[in-house]
């Protein structure tokens, strides 16, 4: 490209925009993350497979727990921004692979 590589802040902005689109398709209303984890809030109507989600809660109770009927808390070491974005990207990929129509 004649202008060089995309700067990291611009690349991060594009990553976040893609994740927002992905979240909207899955029926995720809100996703907040910090250094220690975060919260995913699902819309009433979403495409998340409840059986898969229950399996995740049972297999990894130290990392995931429900906080009400539409909120999933996750506990992860996400101290670096790149790690945080990569973790969210991977989790969204898993949600998509296990989504219902």
C-alpha atoms as a PDB file:
ATOM      1  CA  UNK A   1       0.000   0.000   0.000  1.00  0.00           C
ATOM      2  CA  UNK A   2       1.373   3.416  -0.812  1.00  0.00           C
ATOM      3  CA  UNK A   3       0.595   4.850   2.646  1.00  0.00           C
ATOM      4  CA  UNK A   4       2.234   2.048   4.612  1.00  0.00           C
ATOM      5  CA  UNK A   5       0.830  -0.235   7.256  1.00  0.00           C
ATOM      6  CA  UNK A   6      -2.268   0.625   9.220  1.00  0.00           C
ATOM      7  CA  UNK A   7      -1.348   2.053  12.658  1.00  0.00           C
ATOM      8  CA  UNK A   8      -2.255  -0.048  15.715  1.00  0.00           C
ATOM      9  CA  UNK A   9      -4.996   2.338  16.975  1.00  0.00           C
ATOM     10  CA  UNK A  10      -6.703   2.231  13.570  1.00  0.00           C
ATOM     11  CA  UNK A  11      -6.411  -1.559  13.444  1.00  0.00           C
ATOM     12  CA  UNK A  12      -7.940  -1.778  16.940  1.00  0.00           C
ATOM     13  CA  UNK A  13     -10.814   0.473  15.872  1.00  0.00           C
ATOM     14  CA  UNK A  14     -11.551  -1.796  12.901  1.00  0.00           C
ATOM     15  CA  UNK A  15     -11.377  -4.891  15.124  1.00  0.00           C
ATOM     16  CA  UNK A  16     -13.898  -3.358  17.523  1.00  0.00           C
ATOM     17  CA  UNK A  17     -16.237  -2.442  14.651  1.00  0.00           C
ATOM     18  CA  UNK A  18     -16.133  -6.051  13.381  1.00  0.00           C
ATOM     19  CA  UNK A  19     -16.814  -7.391  16.878  1.00  0.00           C
ATOM     20  CA  UNK A  20     -19.807  -5.060  17.242  1.00  0.00           C
ATOM     21  CA  UNK A  21     -21.293  -6.353  13.996  1.00  0.00           C
ATOM     22  CA  UNK A  22     -20.721  -9.929  15.094  1.00  0.00           C
ATOM     23  CA  UNK A  23     -22.299  -9.230  18.498  1.00  0.00           C
ATOM     24  CA  UNK A  24     -25.342  -7.629  16.910  1.00  0.00           C
ATOM     25  CA  UNK A  25     -25.933 -10.668  14.670  1.00  0.00           C
ATOM     26  CA  UNK A  26     -25.754 -12.974  17.701  1.00  0.00           C
ATOM     27  CA  UNK A  27     -28.154 -10.874  19.762  1.00  0.00           C
ATOM     28  CA  UNK A  28     -25.614  -9.500  22.185  1.00  0.00           C
ATOM     29  CA  UNK A  29     -26.786  -6.187  23.583  1.00  0.00           C
ATOM     30  CA  UNK A  30     -23.653  -5.216  25.473  1.00  0.00           C
ATOM     31  CA  UNK A  31     -20.118  -6.474  25.984  1.00  0.00           C
ATOM     32  CA  UNK A  32     -17.834  -4.908  28.563  1.00  0.00           C
ATOM     33  CA  UNK A  33     -14.344  -6.062  29.378  1.00  0.00           C
ATOM     34  CA  UNK A  34     -11.480  -5.069  31.627  1.00  0.00           C
ATOM     35  CA  UNK A  35      -8.221  -6.524  32.943  1.00  0.00           C
ATOM     36  CA  UNK A  36      -9.975  -9.180  35.033  1.00  0.00           C
ATOM     37  CA  UNK A  37     -12.827 -10.221  32.743  1.00  0.00           C
ATOM     38  CA  UNK A  38     -16.164  -8.680  31.932  1.00  0.00           C
ATOM     39  CA  UNK A  39     -19.852  -9.072  31.207  1.00  0.00           C
ATOM     40  CA  UNK A  40     -21.838 -10.067  28.136  1.00  0.00           C
ATOM     41  CA  UNK A  41     -25.471  -9.003  28.128  1.00  0.00           C
ATOM     42  CA  UNK A  42     -27.756 -10.856  25.746  1.00  0.00           C
ATOM     43  CA  UNK A  43     -30.898  -9.428  24.189  1.00  0.00           C
ATOM     44  CA  UNK A  44     -34.183 -11.183  24.987  1.00  0.00           C
ATOM     45  CA  UNK A  45     -34.134 -12.666  21.480  1.00  0.00           C
ATOM     46  CA  UNK A  46     -30.684 -13.938  20.614  1.00  0.00           C
ATOM     47  CA  UNK A  47     -29.017 -16.739  18.660  1.00  0.00           C
ATOM     48  CA  UNK A  48     -26.943 -18.162  21.493  1.00  0.00           C
ATOM     49  CA  UNK A  49     -27.425 -21.884  22.019  1.00  0.00           C
ATOM     50  CA  UNK A  50     -28.553 -22.263  25.655  1.00  0.00           C
ATOM     51  CA  UNK A  51     -27.404 -25.900  25.821  1.00  0.00           C
ATOM     52  CA  UNK A  52     -23.894 -24.896  24.733  1.00  0.00           C
ATOM     53  CA  UNK A  53     -23.867 -22.044  27.240  1.00  0.00           C
ATOM     54  CA  UNK A  54     -24.944 -24.337  30.096  1.00  0.00           C
ATOM     55  CA  UNK A  55     -22.203 -26.775  29.099  1.00  0.00           C
ATOM     56  CA  UNK A  56     -19.669 -23.956  29.213  1.00  0.00           C
ATOM     57  CA  UNK A  57     -20.858 -22.929  32.686  1.00  0.00           C
ATOM     58  CA  UNK A  58     -20.604 -26.509  33.923  1.00  0.00           C
ATOM     59  CA  UNK A  59     -17.173 -27.186  32.408  1.00  0.00           C
ATOM     60  CA  UNK A  60     -15.559 -23.916  33.471  1.00  0.00           C
ATOM     61  CA  UNK A  61     -17.351 -22.528  36.550  1.00  0.00           C
ATOM     62  CA  UNK A  62     -14.156 -20.755  37.611  1.00  0.00           C
ATOM     63  CA  UNK A  63     -14.288 -18.643  34.415  1.00  0.00           C
ATOM     64  CA  UNK A  64     -18.006 -18.184  33.681  1.00  0.00           C
ATOM     65  CA  UNK A  65     -21.180 -17.585  35.645  1.00  0.00           C
ATOM     66  CA  UNK A  66     -24.644 -16.221  35.000  1.00  0.00           C
ATOM     67  CA  UNK A  67     -25.618 -12.940  36.601  1.00  0.00           C
ATOM     68  CA  UNK A  68     -29.363 -12.906  35.990  1.00  0.00           C
ATOM     69  CA  UNK A  69     -31.207 -14.351  33.005  1.00  0.00           C
ATOM     70  CA  UNK A  70     -29.413 -12.332  30.317  1.00  0.00           C
ATOM     71  CA  UNK A  71     -25.940 -11.586  31.712  1.00  0.00           C
ATOM     72  CA  UNK A  72     -22.865 -13.787  31.507  1.00  0.00           C
ATOM     73  CA  UNK A  73     -19.852 -12.839  33.615  1.00  0.00           C
ATOM     74  CA  UNK A  74     -16.433 -14.040  32.525  1.00  0.00           C
ATOM     75  CA  UNK A  75     -13.320 -14.069  34.666  1.00  0.00           C
ATOM     76  CA  UNK A  76     -10.076 -14.077  32.669  1.00  0.00           C
ATOM     77  CA  UNK A  77      -6.662 -12.453  32.870  1.00  0.00           C
ATOM     78  CA  UNK A  78      -7.042  -9.868  30.121  1.00  0.00           C
ATOM     79  CA  UNK A  79      -4.550  -7.280  31.317  1.00  0.00           C
ATOM     80  CA  UNK A  80      -3.245  -6.463  27.829  1.00  0.00           C
ATOM     81  CA  UNK A  81      -5.560  -4.817  25.300  1.00  0.00           C
ATOM     82  CA  UNK A  82      -4.448  -7.103  22.456  1.00  0.00           C
ATOM     83  CA  UNK A  83      -5.079 -10.159  24.618  1.00  0.00           C
ATOM     84  CA  UNK A  84      -8.525  -8.813  25.511  1.00  0.00           C
ATOM     85  CA  UNK A  85      -9.536  -8.245  21.895  1.00  0.00           C
ATOM     86  CA  UNK A  86      -8.192 -11.648  20.845  1.00  0.00           C
ATOM     87  CA  UNK A  87     -10.072 -13.373  23.683  1.00  0.00           C
ATOM     88  CA  UNK A  88     -13.336 -11.642  22.729  1.00  0.00           C
ATOM     89  CA  UNK A  89     -12.783 -12.519  19.055  1.00  0.00           C
ATOM     90  CA  UNK A  90     -12.265 -16.196  19.940  1.00  0.00           C
ATOM     91  CA  UNK A  91     -15.280 -16.292  22.264  1.00  0.00           C
ATOM     92  CA  UNK A  92     -17.495 -14.690  19.591  1.00  0.00           C
ATOM     93  CA  UNK A  93     -16.247 -17.295  17.109  1.00  0.00           C
ATOM     94  CA  UNK A  94     -17.300 -20.046  19.540  1.00  0.00           C
ATOM     95  CA  UNK A  95     -20.705 -18.415  20.009  1.00  0.00           C
ATOM     96  CA  UNK A  96     -21.171 -18.275  16.222  1.00  0.00           C
ATOM     97  CA  UNK A  97     -20.130 -21.906  15.764  1.00  0.00           C
ATOM     98  CA  UNK A  98     -22.694 -22.970  18.362  1.00  0.00           C
ATOM     99  CA  UNK A  99     -25.436 -20.494  17.431  1.00  0.00           C
ATOM    100  CA  UNK A 100     -29.035 -21.441  16.783  1.00  0.00           C
ATOM    101  CA  UNK A 101     -31.109 -20.121  13.898  1.00  0.00           C
END
